[in-house]
Amino acid sequence: MAMSYVLIKGAGDLASAVALALVKAGYKVVMTETQQPTCVRRLVSFANAVYVGETVVEGVRGTLADNFFEAMRLANHGEIAVMVDPQGETRKMFPPKVYIDASMTKKNYGTSISDADLVLALGPGFEAGKDVHAVIETKRGPNLGEIIFTGYAEPNTGIPGAVLGYTRQRLLCAPIGGIFTEKKVIGDFVDKGDIVAFVNEIPVKAEIAGTVRGLLKSGLPVYPGMKVGDIHPENNLHVCSAVTDKARAIALGVLRAIGIFHKIEIRHKEQLTCNELGFVRA
């Protein structure tokens, strides 16, 4: 039997925006992550709790929980619980009312429409109506945050959305495979050409001047071309701890999808009750 909580796979910046919206709307939220999350926007990602124990985003606390019962205790107190659960055991042992695949892997690694009463996914890699009940569009543009009930989200282009005219230049990518080491920290201002980090002994340099908005945690293994950070093309410290408009639009799409499902569920229950009583609702 499904339990009355929302389980979110992944706790990066987009998943965290969804979790924030859900908690503020009164839902109990548990998030799952890998042992070594690779989120770069750590100041707005509850995944950071895996490394530091707890983290606060927009006044909401995310805390690392050792087990499901501790997670539910935190969720019952309005916090967001984060569990290390790369195999998805939580979903299997404690089925949620709502399950959201927000891992942003661009591929379905086992999520099924039967995983919960309502199963949602963010972005490409899932077929709405088959893999999940609905997909939320994550690509910037007129359809951002749209609820897709049949078919797929727009495919990943590999080109990030433009910020002040910059797209790929904003990204910091690993030049080789190896171990990542920070030189700068999130919030630092850098000039074009500055060394922001290293992969082994090879430098990762900024292609534009601006604020280091996101950066991978030191010590993590990376592969060639992997995103390891990003630069905001302004001297603006606030952006480092701000949830983006994109993330908010996606979170709103999730809330709308749950609201639509809830109304359908209520109507369905009312229909069953009327039928049981021998009446047919008009």
C-alpha atoms as a PDB file:
ATOM      1  CA  MET A   1       0.000   0.000   0.000  1.00  0.00           C
ATOM      2  CA  ALA A   2       1.343   3.432  -0.949  1.00  0.00           C
ATOM      3  CA  MET A   3       2.407   5.692   1.921  1.00  0.00           C
ATOM      4  CA  SER A   4       1.453   9.351   2.017  1.00  0.00           C
ATOM      5  CA  TYR A   5       4.728  10.936   1.073  1.00  0.00           C
ATOM      6  CA  VAL A   6       6.570  12.062  -2.068  1.00  0.00           C
ATOM      7  CA  LEU A   7       9.784  10.300  -3.031  1.00  0.00           C
ATOM      8  CA  ILE A   8      12.172  12.101  -5.369  1.00  0.00           C
ATOM      9  CA  LYS A   9      15.013  10.310  -7.107  1.00  0.00           C
ATOM     10  CA  GLY A  10      17.898  12.753  -7.321  1.00  0.00           C
ATOM     11  CA  ALA A  11      18.606  15.866  -5.279  1.00  0.00           C
ATOM     12  CA  GLY A  12      20.332  18.220  -7.703  1.00  0.00           C
ATOM     13  CA  ASP A  13      19.247  21.811  -8.284  1.00  0.00           C
ATOM     14  CA  LEU A  14      16.121  21.068 -10.356  1.00  0.00           C
ATOM     15  CA  ALA A  15      15.024  18.235  -8.065  1.00  0.00           C
ATOM     16  CA  SER A  16      15.633  20.479  -5.077  1.00  0.00           C
ATOM     17  CA  ALA A  17      13.435  23.235  -6.512  1.00  0.00           C
ATOM     18  CA  VAL A  18      10.669  20.646  -6.871  1.00  0.00           C
ATOM     19  CA  ALA A  19      11.209  19.490  -3.293  1.00  0.00           C
ATOM     20  CA  LEU A  20      11.051  23.081  -2.031  1.00  0.00           C
ATOM     21  CA  ALA A  21       7.759  23.709  -3.798  1.00  0.00           C
ATOM     22  CA  LEU A  22       6.275  20.485  -2.457  1.00  0.00           C
ATOM     23  CA  VAL A  23       7.307  21.128   1.146  1.00  0.00           C
ATOM     24  CA  LYS A  24       5.959  24.670   0.985  1.00  0.00           C
ATOM     25  CA  ALA A  25       2.694  23.199  -0.335  1.00  0.00           C
ATOM     26  CA  GLY A  26       2.484  20.875   2.663  1.00  0.00           C
ATOM     27  CA  TYR A  27       3.817  17.601   1.258  1.00  0.00           C
ATOM     28  CA  LYS A  28       6.198  15.261   3.073  1.00  0.00           C
ATOM     29  CA  VAL A  29       9.307  14.814   0.936  1.00  0.00           C
ATOM     30  CA  VAL A  30      12.115  12.266   0.919  1.00  0.00           C
ATOM     31  CA  MET A  31      14.924  12.457  -1.637  1.00  0.00           C
ATOM     32  CA  THR A  32      17.422   9.766  -2.613  1.00  0.00           C
ATOM     33  CA  GLU A  33      20.944  10.176  -3.946  1.00  0.00           C
ATOM     34  CA  THR A  34      24.116   8.276  -4.785  1.00  0.00           C
ATOM     35  CA  GLN A  35      27.095   8.002  -2.422  1.00  0.00           C
ATOM     36  CA  GLN A  36      28.893  10.712  -4.418  1.00  0.00           C
ATOM     37  CA  PRO A  37      26.417  13.205  -5.914  1.00  0.00           C
ATOM     38  CA  THR A  38      27.829  15.138  -8.879  1.00  0.00           C
ATOM     39  CA  CYS A  39      25.711  18.284  -8.601  1.00  0.00           C
ATOM     40  CA  VAL A  40      27.625  21.474  -9.367  1.00  0.00           C
ATOM     41  CA  ARG A  41      25.076  23.959  -7.979  1.00  0.00           C
ATOM     42  CA  ARG A  42      25.712  22.742  -4.466  1.00  0.00           C
ATOM     43  CA  LEU A  43      24.339  25.808  -2.668  1.00  0.00           C
ATOM     44  CA  VAL A  44      20.844  25.125  -4.050  1.00  0.00           C
ATOM     45  CA  SER A  45      21.008  21.321  -4.055  1.00  0.00           C
ATOM     46  CA  PHE A  46      19.860  19.174  -1.164  1.00  0.00           C
ATOM     47  CA  ALA A  47      22.303  16.558  -2.494  1.00  0.00           C
ATOM     48  CA  ASN A  48      24.968  18.563  -0.666  1.00  0.00           C
ATOM     49  CA  ALA A  49      23.583  17.128   2.582  1.00  0.00           C
ATOM     50  CA  VAL A  50      25.237  13.833   1.624  1.00  0.00           C
ATOM     51  CA  TYR A  51      28.607  15.578   2.054  1.00  0.00           C
ATOM     52  CA  VAL A  52      27.938  18.015   4.901  1.00  0.00           C
ATOM     53  CA  GLY A  53      25.070  16.409   6.844  1.00  0.00           C
ATOM     54  CA  GLU A  54      22.571  19.190   6.348  1.00  0.00           C
ATOM     55  CA  THR A  55      22.030  22.117   4.009  1.00  0.00           C
ATOM     56  CA  VAL A  56      19.500  24.953   3.836  1.00  0.00           C
ATOM     57  CA  VAL A  57      17.935  26.222   0.609  1.00  0.00           C
ATOM     58  CA  GLU A  58      15.538  29.190   0.762  1.00  0.00           C
ATOM     59  CA  GLY A  59      14.961  28.626   4.470  1.00  0.00           C
ATOM     60  CA  VAL A  60      14.125  24.919   4.147  1.00  0.00           C
ATOM     61  CA  ARG A  61      16.502  22.467   5.765  1.00  0.00           C
ATOM     62  CA  GLY A  62      17.612  19.268   4.054  1.00  0.00           C
ATOM     63  CA  THR A  63      19.127  16.667   6.368  1.00  0.00           C
ATOM     64  CA  LEU A  64      20.887  13.387   5.689  1.00  0.00           C
ATOM     65  CA  ALA A  65      18.915  10.476   7.148  1.00  0.00           C
ATOM     66  CA  ASP A  66      20.409   7.072   7.968  1.00  0.00           C
ATOM     67  CA  ASN A  67      17.178   5.161   7.433  1.00  0.00           C
ATOM     68  CA  PHE A  68      13.596   5.588   6.252  1.00  0.00           C
ATOM     69  CA  PHE A  69      12.105   6.021   9.715  1.00  0.00           C
ATOM     70  CA  GLU A  70      14.480   8.869  10.487  1.00  0.00           C
ATOM     71  CA  ALA A  71      13.659  10.315   7.071  1.00  0.00           C
ATOM     72  CA  MET A  72       9.926  10.302   7.818  1.00  0.00           C
ATOM     73  CA  ARG A  73      10.525  11.899  11.217  1.00  0.00           C
ATOM     74  CA  LEU A  74      12.334  14.749   9.468  1.00  0.00           C
ATOM     75  CA  ALA A  75       9.651  14.988   6.766  1.00  0.00           C
ATOM     76  CA  ASN A  76       6.913  15.144   9.403  1.00  0.00           C
ATOM     77  CA  HIS A  77       8.645  18.208  10.854  1.00  0.00           C
ATOM     78  CA  GLY A  78       8.715  20.062   7.559  1.00  0.00           C
ATOM     79  CA  GLU A  79      12.296  19.245   6.649  1.00  0.00           C
ATOM     80  CA  ILE A  80      13.501  17.509   3.520  1.00  0.00           C
ATOM     81  CA  ALA A  81      15.078  14.145   4.193  1.00  0.00           C
ATOM     82  CA  VAL A  82      17.942  12.978   2.000  1.00  0.00           C
ATOM     83  CA  MET A  83      18.943   9.317   1.893  1.00  0.00           C
ATOM     84  CA  VAL A  84      21.848   7.579   0.165  1.00  0.00           C
ATOM     85  CA  ASP A  85      20.000   4.967  -1.866  1.00  0.00           C
ATOM     86  CA  PRO A  86      21.485   4.394  -5.338  1.00  0.00           C
ATOM     87  CA  GLN A  87      19.608   1.102  -5.793  1.00  0.00           C
ATOM     88  CA  GLY A  88      16.153   2.514  -5.082  1.00  0.00           C
ATOM     89  CA  GLU A  89      15.443   0.282  -2.086  1.00  0.00           C
ATOM     90  CA  THR A  90      13.332   2.964  -0.401  1.00  0.00           C
ATOM     91  CA  ARG A  91      10.850   2.971  -3.273  1.00  0.00           C
ATOM     92  CA  LYS A  92      10.579  -0.823  -3.176  1.00  0.00           C
ATOM     93  CA  MET A  93      10.243  -1.216   0.590  1.00  0.00           C
ATOM     94  CA  PHE A  94       8.164   1.891   1.321  1.00  0.00           C
ATOM     95  CA  PRO A  95       6.104   2.671  -1.808  1.00  0.00           C
ATOM     96  CA  PRO A  96       5.297   6.409  -1.973  1.00  0.00           C
ATOM     97  CA  LYS A  97       2.048   8.026  -3.059  1.00  0.00           C
ATOM     98  CA  VAL A  98       3.997  10.068  -5.607  1.00  0.00           C
ATOM     99  CA  TYR A  99       7.345   9.133  -7.143  1.00  0.00           C
ATOM    100  CA  ILE A 100       9.361  11.651  -9.173  1.00  0.00           C
ATOM    101  CA  ASP A 101      12.416  10.687 -11.202  1.00  0.00           C
ATOM    102  CA  ALA A 102      14.387  13.916 -11.133  1.00  0.00           C
ATOM    103  CA  SER A 103      17.798  12.358 -11.710  1.00  0.00           C
ATOM    104  CA  MET A 104      18.173  14.213 -15.035  1.00  0.00           C
ATOM    105  CA  THR A 105      20.112  11.323 -16.572  1.00  0.00           C
ATOM    106  CA  LYS A 106      18.324  11.756 -19.952  1.00  0.00           C
ATOM    107  CA  LYS A 107      17.664   8.009 -19.868  1.00  0.00           C
ATOM    108  CA  ASN A 108      15.312   5.730 -17.959  1.00  0.00           C
ATOM    109  CA  TYR A 109      17.301   3.522 -15.611  1.00  0.00           C
ATOM    110  CA  GLY A 110      14.413   1.442 -14.299  1.00  0.00           C
ATOM    111  CA  THR A 111      11.612   3.849 -13.409  1.00  0.00           C
ATOM    112  CA  SER A 112       8.191   2.244 -13.989  1.00  0.00           C
ATOM    113  CA  ILE A 113       4.676   3.621 -14.167  1.00  0.00           C
ATOM    114  CA  SER A 114       3.786   1.060 -11.472  1.00  0.00           C
ATOM    115  CA  ASP A 115       6.255   2.482  -8.932  1.00  0.00           C
ATOM    116  CA  ALA A 116       3.588   4.656  -7.252  1.00  0.00           C
ATOM    117  CA  ASP A 117       0.018   5.881  -7.621  1.00  0.00           C
ATOM    118  CA  LEU A 118       1.486   8.803  -9.571  1.00  0.00           C
ATOM    119  CA  VAL A 119       4.865   8.609 -11.302  1.00  0.00           C
ATOM    120  CA  LEU A 120       6.422  11.702 -12.864  1.00  0.00           C
ATOM    121  CA  ALA A 121       9.767  12.328 -14.559  1.00  0.00           C
ATOM    122  CA  LEU A 122      11.713  15.458 -15.405  1.00  0.00           C
ATOM    123  CA  GLY A 123      13.055  15.927 -18.907  1.00  0.00           C
ATOM    124  CA  PRO A 124      13.957  13.593 -21.770  1.00  0.00           C
ATOM    125  CA  GLY A 125      14.424   9.832 -21.598  1.00  0.00           C
ATOM    126  CA  PHE A 126      10.913   8.849 -20.490  1.00  0.00           C
ATOM    127  CA  GLU A 127       7.740   8.131 -22.424  1.00  0.00           C
ATOM    128  CA  ALA A 128       4.676   9.656 -20.799  1.00  0.00           C
ATOM    129  CA  GLY A 129       1.795   7.222 -20.662  1.00  0.00           C
ATOM    130  CA  LYS A 130       4.151   4.232 -20.767  1.00  0.00           C
ATOM    131  CA  ASP A 131       7.186   4.676 -18.496  1.00  0.00           C
ATOM    132  CA  VAL A 132       5.523   7.292 -16.290  1.00  0.00           C
ATOM    133  CA  HIS A 133       2.142   8.960 -15.967  1.00  0.00           C
ATOM    134  CA  ALA A 134       3.514  12.328 -17.055  1.00  0.00           C
ATOM    135  CA  VAL A 135       6.768  14.045 -18.020  1.00  0.00           C
ATOM    136  CA  ILE A 136       7.635  17.645 -17.145  1.00  0.00           C
ATOM    137  CA  GLU A 137       9.397  19.625 -19.892  1.00  0.00           C
ATOM    138  CA  THR A 138      12.805  20.919 -18.724  1.00  0.00           C
ATOM    139  CA  LYS A 139      14.063  22.683 -21.845  1.00  0.00           C
ATOM    140  CA  ARG A 140      14.021  26.465 -21.771  1.00  0.00           C
ATOM    141  CA  GLY A 141      11.488  27.974 -24.129  1.00  0.00           C
ATOM    142  CA  PRO A 142       7.723  28.371 -24.456  1.00  0.00           C
ATOM    143  CA  ASN A 143       7.064  24.804 -23.235  1.00  0.00           C
ATOM    144  CA  LEU A 144       9.213  24.917 -20.092  1.00  0.00           C
ATOM    145  CA  GLY A 145       7.310  23.297 -17.220  1.00  0.00           C
ATOM    146  CA  GLU A 146       4.655  21.831 -19.527  1.00  0.00           C
ATOM    147  CA  ILE A 147       2.964  18.605 -18.388  1.00  0.00           C
ATOM    148  CA  ILE A 148       3.271  15.932 -21.086  1.00  0.00           C
ATOM    149  CA  PHE A 149       0.757  13.093 -20.749  1.00  0.00           C
ATOM    150  CA  THR A 150       1.644  11.305 -24.003  1.00  0.00           C
ATOM    151  CA  GLY A 151       5.045  11.097 -25.622  1.00  0.00           C
ATOM    152  CA  TYR A 152       8.389  12.606 -24.741  1.00  0.00           C
ATOM    153  CA  ALA A 153      10.024  15.813 -23.579  1.00  0.00           C
ATOM    154  CA  GLU A 154      12.188  17.630 -26.103  1.00  0.00           C
ATOM    155  CA  PRO A 155      15.529  15.832 -26.661  1.00  0.00           C
ATOM    156  CA  ASN A 156      18.676  17.035 -24.983  1.00  0.00           C
ATOM    157  CA  THR A 157      20.735  19.244 -27.290  1.00  0.00           C
ATOM    158  CA  GLY A 158      23.752  19.513 -25.029  1.00  0.00           C
ATOM    159  CA  ILE A 159      23.599  23.308 -25.379  1.00  0.00           C
ATOM    160  CA  PRO A 160      22.711  25.144 -22.154  1.00  0.00           C
ATOM    161  CA  GLY A 161      20.224  27.983 -22.148  1.00  0.00           C
ATOM    162  CA  ALA A 162      21.594  31.440 -22.895  1.00  0.00           C
ATOM    163  CA  VAL A 163      22.379  33.768 -19.993  1.00  0.00           C
ATOM    164  CA  LEU A 164      23.230  37.314 -21.058  1.00  0.00           C
ATOM    165  CA  GLY A 165      24.045  35.913 -24.498  1.00  0.00           C
ATOM    166  CA  TYR A 166      26.380  33.138 -23.324  1.00  0.00           C
ATOM    167  CA  THR A 167      25.617  29.423 -23.719  1.00  0.00           C
ATOM    168  CA  ARG A 168      28.407  26.811 -23.833  1.00  0.00           C
ATOM    169  CA  GLN A 169      30.974  29.408 -22.767  1.00  0.00           C
ATOM    170  CA  ARG A 170      29.372  29.401 -19.309  1.00  0.00           C
ATOM    171  CA  LEU A 171      30.200  25.744 -18.724  1.00  0.00           C
ATOM    172  CA  LEU A 172      33.299  24.318 -17.109  1.00  0.00           C
ATOM    173  CA  CYS A 173      34.008  20.844 -18.498  1.00  0.00           C
ATOM    174  CA  ALA A 174      36.590  18.225 -17.636  1.00  0.00           C
ATOM    175  CA  PRO A 175      39.430  18.223 -20.217  1.00  0.00           C
ATOM    176  CA  ILE A 176      40.344  14.607 -19.373  1.00  0.00           C
ATOM    177  CA  GLY A 177      39.194  11.816 -17.125  1.00  0.00           C
ATOM    178  CA  GLY A 178      40.617  11.879 -13.619  1.00  0.00           C
ATOM    179  CA  ILE A 179      40.149  13.352 -10.149  1.00  0.00           C
ATOM    180  CA  PHE A 180      38.618  16.799  -9.832  1.00  0.00           C
ATOM    181  CA  THR A 181      40.132  19.435  -7.523  1.00  0.00           C
ATOM    182  CA  GLU A 182      38.711  22.888  -6.858  1.00  0.00           C
ATOM    183  CA  LYS A 183      41.022  25.897  -6.966  1.00  0.00           C
ATOM    184  CA  LYS A 184      38.326  28.554  -6.788  1.00  0.00           C
ATOM    185  CA  VAL A 185      35.174  28.217  -4.703  1.00  0.00           C
ATOM    186  CA  ILE A 186      31.527  28.914  -5.466  1.00  0.00           C
ATOM    187  CA  GLY A 187      30.992  32.662  -5.263  1.00  0.00           C
ATOM    188  CA  ASP A 188      34.464  33.681  -6.464  1.00  0.00           C
ATOM    189  CA  PHE A 189      34.721  36.183  -9.304  1.00  0.00           C
ATOM    190  CA  VAL A 190      37.005  35.070 -12.131  1.00  0.00           C
ATOM    191  CA  ASP A 191      38.372  36.624 -15.306  1.00  0.00           C
ATOM    192  CA  LYS A 192      38.520  34.894 -18.668  1.00  0.00           C
ATOM    193  CA  GLY A 193      41.447  32.482 -18.635  1.00  0.00           C
ATOM    194  CA  ASP A 194      41.617  32.079 -14.861  1.00  0.00           C
ATOM    195  CA  ILE A 195      42.188  28.556 -13.565  1.00  0.00           C
ATOM    196  CA  VAL A 196      39.073  27.496 -11.679  1.00  0.00           C
ATOM    197  CA  ALA A 197      39.959  23.866 -11.000  1.00  0.00           C
ATOM    198  CA  PHE A 198      42.134  20.946 -12.020  1.00  0.00           C
ATOM    199  CA  VAL A 199      41.508  17.440 -13.313  1.00  0.00           C
ATOM    200  CA  ASN A 200      44.632  15.646 -12.177  1.00  0.00           C
ATOM    201  CA  GLU A 201      47.256  18.247 -13.176  1.00  0.00           C
ATOM    202  CA  ILE A 202      45.334  19.663 -16.147  1.00  0.00           C
ATOM    203  CA  PRO A 203      43.742  23.099 -15.493  1.00  0.00           C
ATOM    204  CA  VAL A 204      40.085  23.909 -16.077  1.00  0.00           C
ATOM    205  CA  LYS A 205      39.934  27.539 -17.195  1.00  0.00           C
ATOM    206  CA  ALA A 206      37.076  30.024 -17.345  1.00  0.00           C
ATOM    207  CA  GLU A 207      36.076  30.957 -20.882  1.00  0.00           C
ATOM    208  CA  ILE A 208      34.310  34.104 -19.703  1.00  0.00           C
ATOM    209  CA  ALA A 209      34.553  36.521 -16.792  1.00  0.00           C
ATOM    210  CA  GLY A 210      31.941  36.178 -14.085  1.00  0.00           C
ATOM    211  CA  THR A 211      30.925  34.535 -10.828  1.00  0.00           C
ATOM    212  CA  VAL A 212      31.577  30.860 -10.148  1.00  0.00           C
ATOM    213  CA  ARG A 213      27.936  29.789  -9.703  1.00  0.00           C
ATOM    214  CA  GLY A 214      28.503  26.064  -9.449  1.00  0.00           C
ATOM    215  CA  LEU A 215      31.437  23.748  -8.930  1.00  0.00           C
ATOM    216  CA  LEU A 216      31.835  20.035  -8.396  1.00  0.00           C
ATOM    217  CA  LYS A 217      33.176  18.873  -5.041  1.00  0.00           C
ATOM    218  CA  SER A 218      36.901  18.147  -4.862  1.00  0.00           C
ATOM    219  CA  GLY A 219      37.971  14.518  -4.920  1.00  0.00           C
ATOM    220  CA  LEU A 220      35.305  13.222  -7.277  1.00  0.00           C
ATOM    221  CA  PRO A 221      36.192  11.191 -10.379  1.00  0.00           C
ATOM    222  CA  VAL A 222      35.191  12.781 -13.683  1.00  0.00           C
ATOM    223  CA  TYR A 223      35.163  11.725 -17.332  1.00  0.00           C
ATOM    224  CA  PRO A 224      36.268  13.775 -20.374  1.00  0.00           C
ATOM    225  CA  GLY A 225      33.737  16.477 -21.248  1.00  0.00           C
ATOM    226  CA  MET A 226      31.802  16.087 -17.997  1.00  0.00           C
ATOM    227  CA  LYS A 227      30.262  19.301 -16.629  1.00  0.00           C
ATOM    228  CA  VAL A 228      32.212  20.250 -13.515  1.00  0.00           C
ATOM    229  CA  GLY A 229      31.024  23.815 -12.959  1.00  0.00           C
ATOM    230  CA  ASP A 230      29.492  26.937 -14.457  1.00  0.00           C
ATOM    231  CA  ILE A 231      30.140  30.646 -14.612  1.00  0.00           C
ATOM    232  CA  HIS A 232      27.468  33.316 -14.352  1.00  0.00           C
ATOM    233  CA  PRO A 233      28.539  36.190 -16.644  1.00  0.00           C
ATOM    234  CA  GLU A 234      28.210  38.891 -13.958  1.00  0.00           C
ATOM    235  CA  ASN A 235      29.825  39.780 -10.668  1.00  0.00           C
ATOM    236  CA  ASN A 236      26.765  38.682  -8.704  1.00  0.00           C
ATOM    237  CA  LEU A 237      27.140  36.621  -5.543  1.00  0.00           C
ATOM    238  CA  HIS A 238      23.363  36.277  -5.105  1.00  0.00           C
ATOM    239  CA  VAL A 239      23.001  33.918  -8.092  1.00  0.00           C
ATOM    240  CA  CYS A 240      24.999  31.236  -6.278  1.00  0.00           C
ATOM    241  CA  SER A 241      22.262  30.649  -3.709  1.00  0.00           C
ATOM    242  CA  ALA A 242      19.256  31.526  -5.889  1.00  0.00           C
ATOM    243  CA  VAL A 243      16.840  28.996  -7.347  1.00  0.00           C
ATOM    244  CA  THR A 244      16.558  29.769 -11.053  1.00  0.00           C
ATOM    245  CA  ASP A 245      13.403  30.766 -12.897  1.00  0.00           C
ATOM    246  CA  LYS A 246      13.822  27.573 -14.935  1.00  0.00           C
ATOM    247  CA  ALA A 247      13.797  25.417 -11.810  1.00  0.00           C
ATOM    248  CA  ARG A 248      10.751  27.251 -10.451  1.00  0.00           C
ATOM    249  CA  ALA A 249       8.831  26.693 -13.695  1.00  0.00           C
ATOM    250  CA  ILE A 250       9.598  22.976 -13.554  1.00  0.00           C
ATOM    251  CA  ALA A 251       8.530  22.819  -9.904  1.00  0.00           C
ATOM    252  CA  LEU A 252       5.264  24.545 -10.788  1.00  0.00           C
ATOM    253  CA  GLY A 253       4.689  21.944 -13.517  1.00  0.00           C
ATOM    254  CA  VAL A 254       5.114  19.174 -10.945  1.00  0.00           C
ATOM    255  CA  LEU A 255       2.665  20.830  -8.550  1.00  0.00           C
ATOM    256  CA  ARG A 256       0.124  21.223 -11.354  1.00  0.00           C
ATOM    257  CA  ALA A 257       0.523  17.579 -12.362  1.00  0.00           C
ATOM    258  CA  ILE A 258      -0.061  16.407  -8.799  1.00  0.00           C
ATOM    259  CA  GLY A 259      -3.069  18.708  -8.539  1.00  0.00           C
ATOM    260  CA  ILE A 260      -4.580  17.279 -11.719  1.00  0.00           C
ATOM    261  CA  PHE A 261      -4.021  13.732 -10.481  1.00  0.00           C
ATOM    262  CA  HIS A 262      -5.512  14.558  -7.083  1.00  0.00           C
ATOM    263  CA  LYS A 263      -8.704  15.896  -8.680  1.00  0.00           C
ATOM    264  CA  ILE A 264      -8.994  12.802 -10.873  1.00  0.00           C
ATOM    265  CA  GLU A 265      -8.447  10.581  -7.837  1.00  0.00           C
ATOM    266  CA  ILE A 266     -11.151  12.366  -5.848  1.00  0.00           C
ATOM    267  CA  ARG A 267     -13.616  12.091  -8.719  1.00  0.00           C
ATOM    268  CA  HIS A 268     -12.801   8.409  -9.079  1.00  0.00           C
ATOM    269  CA  LYS A 269     -13.405   7.766  -5.381  1.00  0.00           C
ATOM    270  CA  GLU A 270     -16.675   9.696  -5.465  1.00  0.00           C
ATOM    271  CA  GLN A 271     -17.770   7.625  -8.454  1.00  0.00           C
ATOM    272  CA  LEU A 272     -16.955   4.391  -6.641  1.00  0.00           C
ATOM    273  CA  THR A 273     -18.841   5.515  -3.540  1.00  0.00           C
ATOM    274  CA  CYS A 274     -21.920   6.443  -5.563  1.00  0.00           C
ATOM    275  CA  ASN A 275     -21.807   3.142  -7.415  1.00  0.00           C
ATOM    276  CA  GLU A 276     -21.560   1.222  -4.196  1.00  0.00           C
ATOM    277  CA  LEU A 277     -24.636   3.046  -2.923  1.00  0.00           C
ATOM    278  CA  GLY A 278     -26.516   2.163  -6.090  1.00  0.00           C
ATOM    279  CA  PHE A 279     -26.488   5.700  -7.512  1.00  0.00           C
ATOM    280  CA  VAL A 280     -24.809   7.102 -10.609  1.00  0.00           C
ATOM    281  CA  ARG A 281     -23.245  10.524 -10.261  1.00  0.00           C
ATOM    282  CA  ALA A 282     -24.322  12.947 -12.997  1.00  0.00           C
END
